[in-house]
């Protein structure tokens, strides 16, 4: 996994988790949903990079 893509995935996961938690805490469903989407996007990016690494010799 390239270091840049790995860092981007981790940042998306962390940002999403924070938004989701803050949204849940303050009762903002929109922010909570946005956080879930961003976190899922980071998870997908990380999975894609892991798959690419598995295919490399």
Protein backbone atom coordinates (compact mmCIF):
# COMPACT_ATOMS: atom_id res chain seq x y z
CA UNK A 1 0.00 0.00 0.00
CA UNK A 2 1.47 3.34 -0.96
CA UNK A 3 2.16 5.47 2.05
CA UNK A 4 0.20 8.40 0.61
CA UNK A 5 -2.95 6.35 -0.03
CA UNK A 6 -2.65 4.62 3.35
CA UNK A 7 -2.43 7.98 5.11
CA UNK A 8 -5.39 9.31 3.13
CA UNK A 9 -7.47 6.25 4.08
CA UNK A 10 -6.58 6.61 7.77
CA UNK A 11 -7.40 10.33 7.68
CA UNK A 12 -10.80 9.65 6.11
CA UNK A 13 -11.52 6.95 8.67
CA UNK A 14 -10.55 9.20 11.59
CA UNK A 15 -12.40 12.26 10.28
CA UNK A 16 -15.48 10.16 9.63
CA UNK A 17 -15.40 8.67 13.10
CA UNK A 18 -15.11 12.12 14.69
CA UNK A 19 -17.98 13.55 12.61
CA UNK A 20 -20.14 10.53 13.39
CA UNK A 21 -19.49 10.84 17.12
CA UNK A 22 -20.02 14.60 17.23
CA UNK A 23 -23.20 14.28 15.18
CA UNK A 24 -24.52 11.61 17.51
CA UNK A 25 -23.59 13.64 20.59
CA UNK A 26 -25.27 16.86 19.48
CA UNK A 27 -28.19 15.12 17.79
CA UNK A 28 -27.27 16.21 14.27
CA UNK A 29 -28.34 13.31 12.06
CA UNK A 30 -26.89 14.93 8.92
CA UNK A 31 -23.42 15.20 10.42
CA UNK A 32 -23.67 11.68 11.78
CA UNK A 33 -24.59 10.32 8.35
CA UNK A 34 -21.82 12.34 6.70
CA UNK A 35 -19.33 10.87 9.17
CA UNK A 36 -20.51 7.34 8.44
CA UNK A 37 -20.11 7.92 4.70
CA UNK A 38 -16.62 9.37 5.10
CA UNK A 39 -15.55 6.54 7.39
CA UNK A 40 -16.87 3.96 4.92
CA UNK A 41 -15.02 5.72 2.10
CA UNK A 42 -11.78 5.43 4.09
CA UNK A 43 -12.46 1.74 4.77
CA UNK A 44 -13.03 1.12 1.05
CA UNK A 45 -9.82 2.96 0.11
CA UNK A 46 -7.83 0.89 2.62
CA UNK A 47 -9.36 -2.35 1.33
CA UNK A 48 -8.53 -1.39 -2.26
CA UNK A 49 -4.91 -0.71 -1.37
CA UNK A 50 -4.62 -3.99 0.55
CA UNK A 51 -5.96 -5.82 -2.49
CA UNK A 52 -3.39 -4.14 -4.71
CA UNK A 53 -0.64 -5.18 -2.28
CA UNK A 54 -1.85 -8.78 -2.31
CA UNK A 55 -1.52 -8.92 -6.09
CA UNK A 56 2.03 -7.60 -6.15
CA UNK A 57 4.74 -10.23 -6.44
